[in-house]
Amino acid sequence: MEGHSIWLYIAVMAGVTYAIRVLPLVLLRKEIKQAHIRAFLYYVPYVTLTAMTIPAAITDAPTVWSGCVGVTVAILLALRGVSLVLVAAIASLSVWLIECFVA
């Protein structure tokens, strides 16, 4: 019986995911001209990515402190315009160095 319920869960989630993506396309056919709504929609991907990435970067590090250092280094480098690959490499290196010297 459980084999059938897992497929039902997958089908329901697929339907919900599809509906979330299709409804705005169906309901909003005109160009959005309100500045506040356009600004909000512009920043949604950045906020979502940040909300998913920062907690994972902090909790997936060996210690919370080294994760906080890595995130701080990454933010500072990104604000200075350093490339994404270099930001990731230096942030990872900073976590490793903190773990080597503190642990």
PDB file of N, CA and C in Angstrom:
ATOM      1  N   MET A   1       0.817  -1.207   0.000  1.00  0.00           N
ATOM      2  CA  MET A   1       0.000   0.000   0.000  1.00  0.00           C
ATOM      3  C   MET A   1       0.854   1.261   0.000  1.00  0.00           C
ATOM      4  N   GLU A   2       2.023   1.191   0.620  1.00  0.00           N
ATOM      5  CA  GLU A   2       2.879   2.376   0.676  1.00  0.00           C
ATOM      6  C   GLU A   2       3.433   2.748  -0.687  1.00  0.00           C
ATOM      7  N   GLY A   3       3.648   1.782  -1.546  1.00  0.00           N
ATOM      8  CA  GLY A   3       4.162   2.072  -2.872  1.00  0.00           C
ATOM      9  C   GLY A   3       3.242   2.972  -3.673  1.00  0.00           C
ATOM     10  N   HIS A   4       1.926   2.807  -3.463  1.00  0.00           N
ATOM     11  CA  HIS A   4       0.959   3.637  -4.176  1.00  0.00           C
ATOM     12  C   HIS A   4       0.908   5.050  -3.600  1.00  0.00           C
ATOM     13  N   SER A   5       1.047   5.171  -2.282  1.00  0.00           N
ATOM     14  CA  SER A   5       0.935   6.490  -1.665  1.00  0.00           C
ATOM     15  C   SER A   5       2.115   7.382  -2.038  1.00  0.00           C
ATOM     16  N   ILE A   6       3.298   6.818  -2.209  1.00  0.00           N
ATOM     17  CA  ILE A   6       4.456   7.638  -2.585  1.00  0.00           C
ATOM     18  C   ILE A   6       4.235   8.256  -3.960  1.00  0.00           C
ATOM     19  N   TRP A   7       3.624   7.500  -4.878  1.00  0.00           N
ATOM     20  CA  TRP A   7       3.352   8.038  -6.208  1.00  0.00           C
ATOM     21  C   TRP A   7       2.271   9.111  -6.164  1.00  0.00           C
ATOM     22  N   LEU A   8       1.326   8.964  -5.232  1.00  0.00           N
ATOM     23  CA  LEU A   8       0.305   9.990  -5.052  1.00  0.00           C
ATOM     24  C   LEU A   8       0.945  11.278  -4.538  1.00  0.00           C
ATOM     25  N   TYR A   9       1.852  11.154  -3.570  1.00  0.00           N
ATOM     26  CA  TYR A   9       2.557  12.330  -3.045  1.00  0.00           C
ATOM     27  C   TYR A   9       3.363  13.020  -4.143  1.00  0.00           C
ATOM     28  N   ILE A  10       4.047  12.233  -4.943  1.00  0.00           N
ATOM     29  CA  ILE A  10       4.850  12.797  -6.034  1.00  0.00           C
ATOM     30  C   ILE A  10       3.948  13.498  -7.053  1.00  0.00           C
ATOM     31  N   ALA A  11       2.816  12.898  -7.380  1.00  0.00           N
ATOM     32  CA  ALA A  11       1.897  13.502  -8.342  1.00  0.00           C
ATOM     33  C   ALA A  11       1.314  14.805  -7.802  1.00  0.00           C
ATOM     34  N   VAL A  12       0.944  14.824  -6.527  1.00  0.00           N
ATOM     35  CA  VAL A  12       0.389  16.045  -5.938  1.00  0.00           C
ATOM     36  C   VAL A  12       1.441  17.148  -5.932  1.00  0.00           C
ATOM     37  N   MET A  13       2.653  16.838  -5.539  1.00  0.00           N
ATOM     38  CA  MET A  13       3.711  17.852  -5.506  1.00  0.00           C
ATOM     39  C   MET A  13       4.054  18.348  -6.908  1.00  0.00           C
ATOM     40  N   ALA A  14       4.030  17.452  -7.886  1.00  0.00           N
ATOM     41  CA  ALA A  14       4.279  17.873  -9.264  1.00  0.00           C
ATOM     42  C   ALA A  14       3.174  18.825  -9.721  1.00  0.00           C
ATOM     43  N   GLY A  15       1.940  18.515  -9.378  1.00  0.00           N
ATOM     44  CA  GLY A  15       0.825  19.394  -9.742  1.00  0.00           C
ATOM     45  C   GLY A  15       0.924  20.754  -9.078  1.00  0.00           C
ATOM     46  N   VAL A  16       1.273  20.777  -7.800  1.00  0.00           N
ATOM     47  CA  VAL A  16       1.416  22.045  -7.078  1.00  0.00           C
ATOM     48  C   VAL A  16       2.552  22.866  -7.679  1.00  0.00           C
ATOM     49  N   THR A  17       3.684  22.227  -7.943  1.00  0.00           N
ATOM     50  CA  THR A  17       4.828  22.925  -8.532  1.00  0.00           C
ATOM     51  C   THR A  17       4.464  23.486  -9.906  1.00  0.00           C
ATOM     52  N   TYR A  18       3.780  22.705 -10.698  1.00  0.00           N
ATOM     53  CA  TYR A  18       3.366  23.159 -12.026  1.00  0.00           C
ATOM     54  C   TYR A  18       2.396  24.333 -11.920  1.00  0.00           C
ATOM     55  N   ALA A  19       1.431  24.239 -11.007  1.00  0.00           N
ATOM     56  CA  ALA A  19       0.443  25.302 -10.841  1.00  0.00           C
ATOM     57  C   ALA A  19       1.098  26.611 -10.410  1.00  0.00           C
ATOM     58  N   ILE A  20       2.073  26.527  -9.502  1.00  0.00           N
ATOM     59  CA  ILE A  20       2.762  27.724  -9.035  1.00  0.00           C
ATOM     60  C   ILE A  20       3.485  28.423 -10.184  1.00  0.00           C
ATOM     61  N   ARG A  21       3.998  27.657 -11.116  1.00  0.00           N
ATOM     62  CA  ARG A  21       4.740  28.247 -12.236  1.00  0.00           C
ATOM     63  C   ARG A  21       3.834  28.721 -13.370  1.00  0.00           C
ATOM     64  N   VAL A  22       2.709  28.061 -13.557  1.00  0.00           N
ATOM     65  CA  VAL A  22       1.844  28.380 -14.690  1.00  0.00           C
ATOM     66  C   VAL A  22       0.842  29.486 -14.357  1.00  0.00           C
ATOM     67  N   LEU A  23       0.330  29.527 -13.141  1.00  0.00           N
ATOM     68  CA  LEU A  23      -0.697  30.515 -12.797  1.00  0.00           C
ATOM     69  C   LEU A  23      -0.275  31.957 -13.062  1.00  0.00           C
ATOM     70  N   PRO A  24       0.930  32.379 -12.689  1.00  0.00           N
ATOM     71  CA  PRO A  24       1.306  33.763 -13.022  1.00  0.00           C
ATOM     72  C   PRO A  24       1.329  34.022 -14.530  1.00  0.00           C
ATOM     73  N   LEU A  25       1.729  33.042 -15.313  1.00  0.00           N
ATOM     74  CA  LEU A  25       1.746  33.226 -16.768  1.00  0.00           C
ATOM     75  C   LEU A  25       0.340  33.363 -17.332  1.00  0.00           C
ATOM     76  N   VAL A  26      -0.596  32.641 -16.744  1.00  0.00           N
ATOM     77  CA  VAL A  26      -1.976  32.679 -17.225  1.00  0.00           C
ATOM     78  C   VAL A  26      -2.691  33.934 -16.732  1.00  0.00           C
ATOM     79  N   LEU A  27      -2.473  34.297 -15.472  1.00  0.00           N
ATOM     80  CA  LEU A  27      -3.213  35.402 -14.871  1.00  0.00           C
ATOM     81  C   LEU A  27      -2.622  36.776 -15.200  1.00  0.00           C
ATOM     82  N   LEU A  28      -1.328  36.851 -15.398  1.00  0.00           N
ATOM     83  CA  LEU A  28      -0.671  38.140 -15.629  1.00  0.00           C
ATOM     84  C   LEU A  28      -0.165  38.223 -17.073  1.00  0.00           C
ATOM     85  N   ARG A  29      -1.048  38.528 -17.969  1.00  0.00           N
ATOM     86  CA  ARG A  29      -0.660  38.595 -19.379  1.00  0.00           C
ATOM     87  C   ARG A  29      -0.115  39.960 -19.775  1.00  0.00           C
ATOM     88  N   LYS A  30      -0.475  40.991 -19.015  1.00  0.00           N
ATOM     89  CA  LYS A  30      -0.009  42.337 -19.327  1.00  0.00           C
ATOM     90  C   LYS A  30       1.333  42.601 -18.643  1.00  0.00           C
ATOM     91  N   GLU A  31       2.063  43.562 -19.172  1.00  0.00           N
ATOM     92  CA  GLU A  31       3.320  43.963 -18.549  1.00  0.00           C
ATOM     93  C   GLU A  31       3.021  44.663 -17.219  1.00  0.00           C
ATOM     94  N   ILE A  32       3.819  44.335 -16.203  1.00  0.00           N
ATOM     95  CA  ILE A  32       3.649  44.948 -14.886  1.00  0.00           C
ATOM     96  C   ILE A  32       4.315  46.313 -14.922  1.00  0.00           C
ATOM     97  N   LYS A  33       3.530  47.360 -14.652  1.00  0.00           N
ATOM     98  CA  LYS A  33       4.056  48.716 -14.753  1.00  0.00           C
ATOM     99  C   LYS A  33       4.288  49.377 -13.400  1.00  0.00           C
ATOM    100  N   GLN A  34       3.747  48.824 -12.331  1.00  0.00           N
ATOM    101  CA  GLN A  34       3.923  49.409 -11.007  1.00  0.00           C
ATOM    102  C   GLN A  34       5.361  49.201 -10.537  1.00  0.00           C
ATOM    103  N   ALA A  35       5.997  50.292 -10.152  1.00  0.00           N
ATOM    104  CA  ALA A  35       7.416  50.253  -9.795  1.00  0.00           C
ATOM    105  C   ALA A  35       7.671  49.389  -8.571  1.00  0.00           C
ATOM    106  N   HIS A  36       6.794  49.436  -7.592  1.00  0.00           N
ATOM    107  CA  HIS A  36       7.007  48.665  -6.369  1.00  0.00           C
ATOM    108  C   HIS A  36       6.963  47.161  -6.635  1.00  0.00           C
ATOM    109  N   ILE A  37       6.018  46.740  -7.437  1.00  0.00           N
ATOM    110  CA  ILE A  37       5.899  45.314  -7.751  1.00  0.00           C
ATOM    111  C   ILE A  37       7.067  44.869  -8.612  1.00  0.00           C
ATOM    112  N   ARG A  38       7.472  45.684  -9.573  1.00  0.00           N
ATOM    113  CA  ARG A  38       8.624  45.334 -10.417  1.00  0.00           C
ATOM    114  C   ARG A  38       9.896  45.222  -9.586  1.00  0.00           C
ATOM    115  N   ALA A  39      10.094  46.139  -8.644  1.00  0.00           N
ATOM    116  CA  ALA A  39      11.279  46.087  -7.779  1.00  0.00           C
ATOM    117  C   ALA A  39      11.240  44.837  -6.911  1.00  0.00           C
ATOM    118  N   PHE A  40      10.068  44.526  -6.373  1.00  0.00           N
ATOM    119  CA  PHE A  40       9.928  43.319  -5.553  1.00  0.00           C
ATOM    120  C   PHE A  40      10.278  42.075  -6.366  1.00  0.00           C
ATOM    121  N   LEU A  41       9.724  41.957  -7.558  1.00  0.00           N
ATOM    122  CA  LEU A  41       9.987  40.785  -8.394  1.00  0.00           C
ATOM    123  C   LEU A  41      11.438  40.720  -8.855  1.00  0.00           C
ATOM    124  N   TYR A  42      12.093  41.862  -8.984  1.00  0.00           N
ATOM    125  CA  TYR A  42      13.491  41.877  -9.393  1.00  0.00           C
ATOM    126  C   TYR A  42      14.378  41.230  -8.319  1.00  0.00           C
ATOM    127  N   TYR A  43      14.076  41.491  -7.047  1.00  0.00           N
ATOM    128  CA  TYR A  43      14.934  41.014  -5.971  1.00  0.00           C
ATOM    129  C   TYR A  43      14.561  39.635  -5.435  1.00  0.00           C
ATOM    130  N   VAL A  44      13.457  39.058  -5.831  1.00  0.00           N
ATOM    131  CA  VAL A  44      13.034  37.750  -5.319  1.00  0.00           C
ATOM    132  C   VAL A  44      14.091  36.663  -5.546  1.00  0.00           C
ATOM    133  N   PRO A  45      14.692  36.519  -6.734  1.00  0.00           N
ATOM    134  CA  PRO A  45      15.692  35.458  -6.900  1.00  0.00           C
ATOM    135  C   PRO A  45      16.901  35.629  -5.974  1.00  0.00           C
ATOM    136  N   TYR A  46      17.350  36.850  -5.766  1.00  0.00           N
ATOM    137  CA  TYR A  46      18.505  37.084  -4.901  1.00  0.00           C
ATOM    138  C   TYR A  46      18.192  36.750  -3.451  1.00  0.00           C
ATOM    139  N   VAL A  47      17.010  37.146  -2.999  1.00  0.00           N
ATOM    140  CA  VAL A  47      16.619  36.879  -1.617  1.00  0.00           C
ATOM    141  C   VAL A  47      16.450  35.382  -1.396  1.00  0.00           C
ATOM    142  N   THR A  48      15.841  34.709  -2.351  1.00  0.00           N
ATOM    143  CA  THR A  48      15.632  33.269  -2.226  1.00  0.00           C
ATOM    144  C   THR A  48      16.958  32.529  -2.192  1.00  0.00           C
ATOM    145  N   LEU A  49      17.856  32.877  -3.079  1.00  0.00           N
ATOM    146  CA  LEU A  49      19.168  32.239  -3.098  1.00  0.00           C
ATOM    147  C   LEU A  49      19.922  32.482  -1.793  1.00  0.00           C
ATOM    148  N   THR A  50      19.856  33.698  -1.291  1.00  0.00           N
ATOM    149  CA  THR A  50      20.519  34.026  -0.033  1.00  0.00           C
ATOM    150  C   THR A  50      19.916  33.248   1.123  1.00  0.00           C
ATOM    151  N   ALA A  51      18.603  33.170   1.168  1.00  0.00           N
ATOM    152  CA  ALA A  51      17.929  32.457   2.258  1.00  0.00           C
ATOM    153  C   ALA A  51      18.235  30.967   2.243  1.00  0.00           C
ATOM    154  N   MET A  52      18.530  30.426   1.079  1.00  0.00           N
ATOM    155  CA  MET A  52      18.866  29.002   1.000  1.00  0.00           C
ATOM    156  C   MET A  52      20.351  28.752   1.211  1.00  0.00           C
ATOM    157  N   THR A  53      21.202  29.673   0.796  1.00  0.00           N
ATOM    158  CA  THR A  53      22.638  29.438   0.802  1.00  0.00           C
ATOM    159  C   THR A  53      23.293  29.718   2.145  1.00  0.00           C
ATOM    160  N   ILE A  54      23.001  30.844   2.754  1.00  0.00           N
ATOM    161  CA  ILE A  54      23.716  31.237   3.973  1.00  0.00           C
ATOM    162  C   ILE A  54      23.515  30.251   5.115  1.00  0.00           C
ATOM    163  N   PRO A  55      22.295  29.833   5.442  1.00  0.00           N
ATOM    164  CA  PRO A  55      22.173  28.847   6.527  1.00  0.00           C
ATOM    165  C   PRO A  55      22.887  27.535   6.222  1.00  0.00           C
ATOM    166  N   ALA A  56      22.837  27.100   4.970  1.00  0.00           N
ATOM    167  CA  ALA A  56      23.517  25.857   4.605  1.00  0.00           C
ATOM    168  C   ALA A  56      25.031  26.012   4.716  1.00  0.00           C
ATOM    169  N   ALA A  57      25.557  27.151   4.313  1.00  0.00           N
ATOM    170  CA  ALA A  57      27.004  27.370   4.387  1.00  0.00           C
ATOM    171  C   ALA A  57      27.477  27.398   5.832  1.00  0.00           C
ATOM    172  N   ILE A  58      26.679  27.947   6.712  1.00  0.00           N
ATOM    173  CA  ILE A  58      27.071  28.023   8.124  1.00  0.00           C
ATOM    174  C   ILE A  58      26.955  26.662   8.798  1.00  0.00           C
ATOM    175  N   THR A  59      25.847  25.954   8.574  1.00  0.00           N
ATOM    176  CA  THR A  59      25.634  24.691   9.286  1.00  0.00           C
ATOM    177  C   THR A  59      26.388  23.516   8.682  1.00  0.00           C
ATOM    178  N   ASP A  60      26.778  23.594   7.426  1.00  0.00           N
ATOM    179  CA  ASP A  60      27.515  22.493   6.802  1.00  0.00           C
ATOM    180  C   ASP A  60      29.016  22.553   7.056  1.00  0.00           C
ATOM    181  N   ALA A  61      29.499  23.664   7.574  1.00  0.00           N
ATOM    182  CA  ALA A  61      30.918  23.769   7.930  1.00  0.00           C
ATOM    183  C   ALA A  61      31.161  22.905   9.180  1.00  0.00           C
ATOM    184  N   PRO A  62      32.408  22.515   9.410  1.00  0.00           N
ATOM    185  CA  PRO A  62      32.693  21.684  10.586  1.00  0.00           C
ATOM    186  C   PRO A  62      32.238  22.318  11.903  1.00  0.00           C
ATOM    187  N   THR A  63      32.391  23.614  12.055  1.00  0.00           N
ATOM    188  CA  THR A  63      31.866  24.316  13.230  1.00  0.00           C
ATOM    189  C   THR A  63      31.100  25.540  12.753  1.00  0.00           C
ATOM    190  N   VAL A  64      30.195  26.018  13.593  1.00  0.00           N
ATOM    191  CA  VAL A  64      29.404  27.195  13.235  1.00  0.00           C
ATOM    192  C   VAL A  64      30.302  28.411  13.066  1.00  0.00           C
ATOM    193  N   TRP A  65      31.332  28.524  13.894  1.00  0.00           N
ATOM    194  CA  TRP A  65      32.219  29.687  13.829  1.00  0.00           C
ATOM    195  C   TRP A  65      32.984  29.740  12.514  1.00  0.00           C
ATOM    196  N   SER A  66      33.497  28.614  12.075  1.00  0.00           N
ATOM    197  CA  SER A  66      34.216  28.629  10.801  1.00  0.00           C
ATOM    198  C   SER A  66      33.251  28.886   9.644  1.00  0.00           C
ATOM    199  N   GLY A  67      32.015  28.403   9.755  1.00  0.00           N
ATOM    200  CA  GLY A  67      31.005  28.696   8.738  1.00  0.00           C
ATOM    201  C   GLY A  67      30.688  30.178   8.676  1.00  0.00           C
ATOM    202  N   CYS A  68      30.596  30.816   9.849  1.00  0.00           N
ATOM    203  CA  CYS A  68      30.336  32.266   9.898  1.00  0.00           C
ATOM    204  C   CYS A  68      31.498  33.042   9.286  1.00  0.00           C
ATOM    205  N   VAL A  69      32.715  32.608   9.552  1.00  0.00           N
ATOM    206  CA  VAL A  69      33.883  33.267   8.961  1.00  0.00           C
ATOM    207  C   VAL A  69      33.850  33.114   7.439  1.00  0.00           C
ATOM    208  N   GLY A  70      33.551  31.913   6.964  1.00  0.00           N
ATOM    209  CA  GLY A  70      33.493  31.681   5.523  1.00  0.00           C
ATOM    210  C   GLY A  70      32.433  32.532   4.835  1.00  0.00           C
ATOM    211  N   VAL A  71      31.262  32.618   5.447  1.00  0.00           N
ATOM    212  CA  VAL A  71      30.189  33.438   4.868  1.00  0.00           C
ATOM    213  C   VAL A  71      30.579  34.913   4.885  1.00  0.00           C
ATOM    214  N   THR A  72      31.179  35.363   5.978  1.00  0.00           N
ATOM    215  CA  THR A  72      31.601  36.765   6.073  1.00  0.00           C
ATOM    216  C   THR A  72      32.647  37.094   5.010  1.00  0.00           C
ATOM    217  N   VAL A  73      33.625  36.220   4.850  1.00  0.00           N
ATOM    218  CA  VAL A  73      34.655  36.424   3.825  1.00  0.00           C
ATOM    219  C   VAL A  73      34.014  36.456   2.440  1.00  0.00           C
ATOM    220  N   ALA A  74      33.084  35.543   2.187  1.00  0.00           N
ATOM    221  CA  ALA A  74      32.425  35.496   0.881  1.00  0.00           C
ATOM    222  C   ALA A  74      31.645  36.778   0.607  1.00  0.00           C
ATOM    223  N   ILE A  75      30.937  37.273   1.613  1.00  0.00           N
ATOM    224  CA  ILE A  75      30.156  38.507   1.429  1.00  0.00           C
ATOM    225  C   ILE A  75      31.073  39.693   1.149  1.00  0.00           C
ATOM    226  N   LEU A  76      32.147  39.806   1.915  1.00  0.00           N
ATOM    227  CA  LEU A  76      33.069  40.931   1.725  1.00  0.00           C
ATOM    228  C   LEU A  76      33.721  40.898   0.339  1.00  0.00           C
ATOM    229  N   LEU A  77      34.125  39.709  -0.087  1.00  0.00           N
ATOM    230  CA  LEU A  77      34.740  39.590  -1.414  1.00  0.00           C
ATOM    231  C   LEU A  77      33.727  39.875  -2.520  1.00  0.00           C
ATOM    232  N   ALA A  78      32.508  39.389  -2.356  1.00  0.00           N
ATOM    233  CA  ALA A  78      31.480  39.618  -3.369  1.00  0.00           C
ATOM    234  C   ALA A  78      31.144  41.108  -3.483  1.00  0.00           C
ATOM    235  N   LEU A  79      31.105  41.791  -2.352  1.00  0.00           N
ATOM    236  CA  LEU A  79      30.828  43.226  -2.385  1.00  0.00           C
ATOM    237  C   LEU A  79      31.940  44.013  -3.081  1.00  0.00           C
ATOM    238  N   ARG A  80      33.147  43.465  -3.081  1.00  0.00           N
ATOM    239  CA  ARG A  80      34.262  44.131  -3.771  1.00  0.00           C
ATOM    240  C   ARG A  80      34.318  43.767  -5.249  1.00  0.00           C
ATOM    241  N   GLY A  81      33.403  42.893  -5.722  1.00  0.00           N
ATOM    242  CA  GLY A  81      33.322  42.562  -7.139  1.00  0.00           C
ATOM    243  C   GLY A  81      34.218  41.424  -7.581  1.00  0.00           C
ATOM    244  N   VAL A  82      34.685  40.608  -6.648  1.00  0.00           N
ATOM    245  CA  VAL A  82      35.534  39.466  -6.994  1.00  0.00           C
ATOM    246  C   VAL A  82      34.676  38.417  -7.700  1.00  0.00           C
ATOM    247  N   SER A  83      35.275  37.652  -8.603  1.00  0.00           N
ATOM    248  CA  SER A  83      34.519  36.654  -9.363  1.00  0.00           C
ATOM    249  C   SER A  83      33.980  35.558  -8.447  1.00  0.00           C
ATOM    250  N   LEU A  84      32.899  34.931  -8.881  1.00  0.00           N
ATOM    251  CA  LEU A  84      32.212  33.934  -8.070  1.00  0.00           C
ATOM    252  C   LEU A  84      33.108  32.746  -7.737  1.00  0.00           C
ATOM    253  N   VAL A  85      33.889  32.283  -8.696  1.00  0.00           N
ATOM    254  CA  VAL A  85      34.769  31.138  -8.455  1.00  0.00           C
ATOM    255  C   VAL A  85      35.823  31.488  -7.409  1.00  0.00           C
ATOM    256  N   LEU A  86      36.390  32.669  -7.508  1.00  0.00           N
ATOM    257  CA  LEU A  86      37.396  33.105  -6.541  1.00  0.00           C
ATOM    258  C   LEU A  86      36.783  33.306  -5.155  1.00  0.00           C
ATOM    259  N   VAL A  87      35.572  33.850  -5.105  1.00  0.00           N
ATOM    260  CA  VAL A  87      34.883  34.016  -3.823  1.00  0.00           C
ATOM    261  C   VAL A  87      34.685  32.659  -3.153  1.00  0.00           C
ATOM    262  N   ALA A  88      34.203  31.680  -3.907  1.00  0.00           N
ATOM    263  CA  ALA A  88      33.975  30.343  -3.350  1.00  0.00           C
ATOM    264  C   ALA A  88      35.277  29.708  -2.879  1.00  0.00           C
ATOM    265  N   ALA A  89      36.328  29.855  -3.678  1.00  0.00           N
ATOM    266  CA  ALA A  89      37.613  29.253  -3.317  1.00  0.00           C
ATOM    267  C   ALA A  89      38.199  29.898  -2.057  1.00  0.00           C
ATOM    268  N   ILE A  90      38.191  31.203  -1.981  1.00  0.00           N
ATOM    269  CA  ILE A  90      38.779  31.886  -0.825  1.00  0.00           C
ATOM    270  C   ILE A  90      37.930  31.660   0.422  1.00  0.00           C
ATOM    271  N   ALA A  91      36.603  31.643   0.291  1.00  0.00           N
ATOM    272  CA  ALA A  91      35.740  31.365   1.446  1.00  0.00           C
ATOM    273  C   ALA A  91      35.979  29.950   1.957  1.00  0.00           C
ATOM    274  N   SER A  92      36.116  29.000   1.055  1.00  0.00           N
ATOM    275  CA  SER A  92      36.402  27.619   1.465  1.00  0.00           C
ATOM    276  C   SER A  92      37.772  27.526   2.135  1.00  0.00           C
ATOM    277  N   LEU A  93      38.737  28.224   1.585  1.00  0.00           N
ATOM    278  CA  LEU A  93      40.069  28.247   2.174  1.00  0.00           C
ATOM    279  C   LEU A  93      40.042  28.870   3.567  1.00  0.00           C
ATOM    280  N   SER A  94      39.255  29.915   3.747  1.00  0.00           N
ATOM    281  CA  SER A  94      39.171  30.544   5.069  1.00  0.00           C
ATOM    282  C   SER A  94      38.548  29.593   6.086  1.00  0.00           C
ATOM    283  N   VAL A  95      37.547  28.827   5.694  1.00  0.00           N
ATOM    284  CA  VAL A  95      36.958  27.831   6.603  1.00  0.00           C
ATOM    285  C   VAL A  95      38.003  26.785   6.960  1.00  0.00           C
ATOM    286  N   TRP A  96      38.732  26.317   5.974  1.00  0.00           N
ATOM    287  CA  TRP A  96      39.750  25.299   6.218  1.00  0.00           C
ATOM    288  C   TRP A  96      40.838  25.829   7.162  1.00  0.00           C
ATOM    289  N   LEU A  97      41.292  27.058   6.926  1.00  0.00           N
ATOM    290  CA  LEU A  97      42.326  27.640   7.786  1.00  0.00           C
ATOM    291  C   LEU A  97      41.829  27.808   9.220  1.00  0.00           C
ATOM    292  N   ILE A  98      40.618  28.267   9.389  1.00  0.00           N
ATOM    293  CA  ILE A  98      40.058  28.414  10.742  1.00  0.00           C
ATOM    294  C   ILE A  98      40.011  27.053  11.427  1.00  0.00           C
ATOM    295  N   GLU A  99      39.608  26.035  10.705  1.00  0.00           N
ATOM    296  CA  GLU A  99      39.538  24.703  11.290  1.00  0.00           C
ATOM    297  C   GLU A  99      40.929  24.153  11.626  1.00  0.00           C
ATOM    298  N   CYS A 100      41.919  24.464  10.811  1.00  0.00           N
ATOM    299  CA  CYS A 100      43.272  23.994  11.072  1.00  0.00           C
ATOM    300  C   CYS A 100      43.877  24.620  12.318  1.00  0.00           C
ATOM    301  N   PHE A 101      43.638  25.911  12.484  1.00  0.00           N
ATOM    302  CA  PHE A 101      44.291  26.619  13.588  1.00  0.00           C
ATOM    303  C   PHE A 101      43.478  26.629  14.872  1.00  0.00           C
ATOM    304  N   VAL A 102      42.176  26.539  14.778  1.00  0.00           N
ATOM    305  CA  VAL A 102      41.344  26.609  15.991  1.00  0.00           C
ATOM    306  C   VAL A 102      41.079  25.221  16.545  1.00  0.00           C
ATOM    307  N   ALA A 103      40.838  24.266  15.698  1.00  0.00           N
ATOM    308  CA  ALA A 103      40.462  22.931  16.185  1.00  0.00           C
ATOM    309  C   ALA A 103      41.605  22.145  16.715  1.00  0.00           C
TER     310      ALA A 103
END
